[in-house]
Structure formats: structure tokens, C-alpha cells
Protein backbone atom coordinates (compact mmCIF):
# COMPACT_ATOMS: atom_id res chain seq x y z
CA MET A 1 77.07 132.01 84.83
CA ALA A 2 80.14 130.96 86.80
CA LYS A 3 83.50 132.32 85.71
CA LEU A 4 86.67 130.27 85.22
CA THR A 5 89.18 131.54 87.77
CA HIS A 6 92.31 130.32 85.98
CA ILE A 7 91.59 132.26 82.76
CA ASP A 8 92.20 136.01 82.47
CA SER A 9 90.03 138.50 80.56
CA LYS A 10 91.96 137.75 77.35
CA GLY A 11 91.52 133.98 77.63
CA ASN A 12 95.05 133.28 78.85
CA ALA A 13 95.86 130.81 81.61
CA ARG A 14 96.81 132.42 84.91
CA MET A 15 97.54 131.50 88.47
CA VAL A 16 94.90 132.88 90.81
CA ASP A 17 96.20 135.63 93.11
CA ILE A 18 95.43 134.50 96.66
CA SER A 19 97.58 137.09 98.44
CA GLU A 20 94.55 138.92 99.90
CA LYS A 21 92.65 135.81 100.98
CA ARG A 22 92.60 134.98 104.67
CA ASP A 23 93.71 131.66 106.14
CA THR A 24 90.89 129.27 106.96
CA LYS A 25 90.73 125.60 107.89
CA ARG A 26 90.17 123.64 104.70
CA GLU A 27 89.46 120.00 104.02
CA ALA A 28 88.79 117.94 100.92
CA ILE A 29 87.77 114.33 100.54
CA ALA A 30 88.19 112.56 97.20
CA ALA A 31 87.30 109.05 96.11
CA GLY A 32 88.14 106.58 93.40
CA LYS A 33 87.77 102.95 92.50
CA VAL A 34 89.96 100.09 91.30
CA LYS A 35 88.25 97.06 89.70
CA MET A 36 90.04 93.84 88.87
CA ALA A 37 89.59 90.19 87.94
CA PRO A 38 88.29 87.96 90.75
CA ALA A 39 91.61 86.07 91.07
CA THR A 40 93.56 89.34 91.31
CA TYR A 41 91.13 90.70 93.87
CA GLU A 42 91.53 87.62 96.08
CA LEU A 43 95.31 87.82 95.75
CA ILE A 44 95.63 91.50 96.65
CA LYS A 45 92.90 91.57 99.31
CA LYS A 46 95.53 89.94 101.53
CA GLY A 47 97.69 93.02 100.87
CA GLN A 48 100.54 91.18 99.23
CA GLY A 49 101.17 91.14 95.53
CA PRO A 50 104.03 90.31 93.20
CA LYS A 51 105.87 93.47 94.31
CA GLY A 52 105.13 93.35 98.05
CA ASP A 53 102.83 95.23 100.46
CA ILE A 54 100.41 96.82 97.99
CA PHE A 55 98.28 99.01 100.22
CA THR A 56 101.05 100.51 102.34
CA VAL A 57 103.13 101.34 99.28
CA ALA A 58 100.08 102.84 97.51
CA LYS A 59 99.18 104.92 100.58
CA ILE A 60 102.71 106.33 100.84
CA ALA A 61 102.72 107.07 97.09
CA GLY A 62 99.40 108.92 97.41
CA ILE A 63 100.62 110.97 100.36
CA MET A 64 103.81 111.90 98.52
CA ALA A 65 101.82 112.85 95.41
CA ALA A 66 99.41 115.05 97.37
CA LYS A 67 102.36 116.95 98.86
CA ARG A 68 103.77 117.53 95.36
CA THR A 69 100.54 118.39 93.50
CA HIS A 70 101.83 121.88 92.66
CA ASP A 71 104.72 120.23 90.77
CA VAL A 72 102.41 118.40 88.35
CA ILE A 73 99.35 120.67 88.07
CA PRO A 74 100.79 123.90 86.63
CA LEU A 75 98.50 126.49 88.24
CA CYS A 76 98.23 124.94 91.72
CA HIS A 77 99.76 126.79 94.65
CA PRO A 78 102.28 125.03 96.89
CA LEU A 79 100.50 124.38 100.19
CA SER A 80 101.38 123.63 103.76
CA ILE A 81 99.36 120.45 104.22
CA THR A 82 98.54 119.57 107.83
CA HIS A 83 96.95 116.13 107.35
CA ILE A 84 96.62 113.42 104.70
CA ASP A 85 94.87 110.10 105.16
CA VAL A 86 94.07 107.26 102.76
CA GLY A 87 91.38 104.65 103.33
CA TYR A 88 90.36 101.47 101.55
CA THR A 89 87.01 99.65 101.37
CA PHE A 90 86.86 96.20 99.77
CA HIS A 91 83.78 94.99 97.86
CA ASP A 92 83.95 91.23 97.40
CA LYS A 93 80.95 90.87 95.09
CA LYS A 94 82.23 93.48 92.61
CA GLN A 95 85.99 92.79 93.03
CA THR A 96 86.58 96.48 93.64
CA VAL A 97 88.59 98.51 96.10
CA ASP A 98 87.25 101.97 96.92
CA ILE A 99 89.90 104.52 97.82
CA THR A 100 89.32 107.70 99.79
CA SER A 101 91.73 110.46 100.63
CA THR A 102 91.25 113.23 103.14
CA VAL A 103 93.53 116.27 103.00
CA ARG A 104 93.57 119.23 105.38
CA THR A 105 95.34 122.55 105.60
CA LYS A 106 94.98 125.94 107.17
CA GLY A 107 95.61 128.36 104.37
CA GLN A 108 94.47 130.69 101.63
CA THR A 109 93.37 128.09 99.10
CA GLY A 110 91.71 124.70 99.11
CA VAL A 111 93.09 121.17 98.93
CA GLU A 112 90.72 119.61 96.40
CA MET A 113 93.46 119.03 93.84
CA GLU A 114 95.69 117.47 96.47
CA ALA A 115 92.96 115.05 97.57
CA LEU A 116 92.19 114.09 93.95
CA THR A 117 95.88 113.68 93.10
CA CYS A 118 96.32 111.46 96.15
CA VAL A 119 93.47 109.12 95.22
CA MET A 120 94.57 108.86 91.59
CA VAL A 121 98.18 108.06 92.46
CA VAL A 122 97.02 105.46 94.99
CA ALA A 123 95.01 103.78 92.21
CA LEU A 124 97.93 104.01 89.76
CA THR A 125 100.24 102.45 92.33
CA ILE A 126 97.83 99.58 92.94
CA TYR A 127 97.77 99.05 89.16
CA ASP A 128 101.57 99.16 88.96
CA MET A 129 101.98 96.67 91.77
CA CYS A 130 99.43 94.25 90.24
CA LYS A 131 99.94 94.61 86.49
CA ALA A 132 102.15 91.51 86.40
CA VAL A 133 99.10 89.37 87.16
CA ASP A 134 96.28 91.51 85.68
CA LYS A 135 96.76 94.12 82.96
CA GLY A 136 92.97 94.58 82.67
CA ILE A 137 92.57 96.41 85.98
CA GLU A 138 90.15 99.33 85.64
CA LEU A 139 90.75 102.66 87.37
CA GLY A 140 88.03 105.17 88.18
CA PRO A 141 85.85 106.98 88.37
CA PHE A 142 87.57 109.61 90.52
CA TYR A 143 85.70 112.52 92.07
CA LEU A 144 85.54 115.10 94.82
CA VAL A 145 83.26 113.88 97.61
CA GLU A 146 83.33 116.92 99.85
CA LYS A 147 85.22 120.14 100.54
CA SER A 148 84.97 122.76 103.24
CA GLY A 149 86.54 126.08 104.09
CA GLY A 150 87.20 129.26 102.19
CA LYS A 151 84.90 131.75 100.55
CA SER A 152 82.88 129.20 98.60
CA GLY A 153 82.08 127.27 101.79
CA ARG A 154 81.04 123.65 101.88
CA TYR A 155 80.42 121.35 98.93
CA VAL A 156 79.03 117.83 99.24
CA ARG A 157 78.64 115.62 96.18
CA LYS A 158 75.08 114.46 95.64
């Protein structure tokens, strides 16, 4: 059975010691979804909402959040991130926007939490920028799509 790495032998929370791990190229891709009313979807698909340029503001918010993940997730290590990207895919029939984030580093630990934090903050920002016209916007699900690098190797969601 797999062991939880952030719990010590006494059951206490701990930060994983990565001091002996070697630097490797690491990448994580996370995804999430935002679903809204048809009228809201048509309004924001143009990129402009009641508070301005929705998708640029949300992208910048996600990038900033990924860079500060260690400040909000207590046991995450601060990382030197080398790349962050945010993408959007629009689905007219479902009135949804799919969000993806890709985060890269060369370091001793992975960037899964940074990619997930990015996607979630992007979704929250879209909600914030659109809540004046639609408080029923649905966020999620959010999940890790893929990760590579490090001792555990590659993971691809099935």
C-alpha cells in the first residue's frame, strides 16, 4: 500500500525533505471547467464582461497564484518555476469553458500543486468577473491531467 509522504511515523504533518533529491525537468498539466447560463456564456465568449477583459485577467491571476502556491498550501516547497501557460477551450453546446494550465520547472520536486492552483484560481477569477450577471456559475471538476519528471516518472490521467 502507498504511503502518505506528508505524514511522519507518528501521524504528524511534515514537509517532505527534498535536500537529497536531484534536479530534473518537471512538468504538470491540470484542467478544470467553468459552466454558466447560455446568456452569460455568449456574453463572456467575446472576452469582455462587466469588469473588463475576463480571460487575460484570469490568466494573469492563475499565473500569479501558481507562483505563490507555497504561500497557500502549507507543506508545498517554494519553487523556481520556468514556465506557466493557461489555455481555454469553449464548448458552445454545453456553455462551458475548459481551462488548462501547464507548469514547468527544473528542480527537486514536482509542480502538480502549482498547475492545479493555477487552474482553480483562473476559474475563480472568471466567476468573480462574471458574478454580477450570473451567480449560478459552476466550477469544476479540477484534476491533474499529466505530470512528468522525478522519481515517480510519468503519470497520465486515464
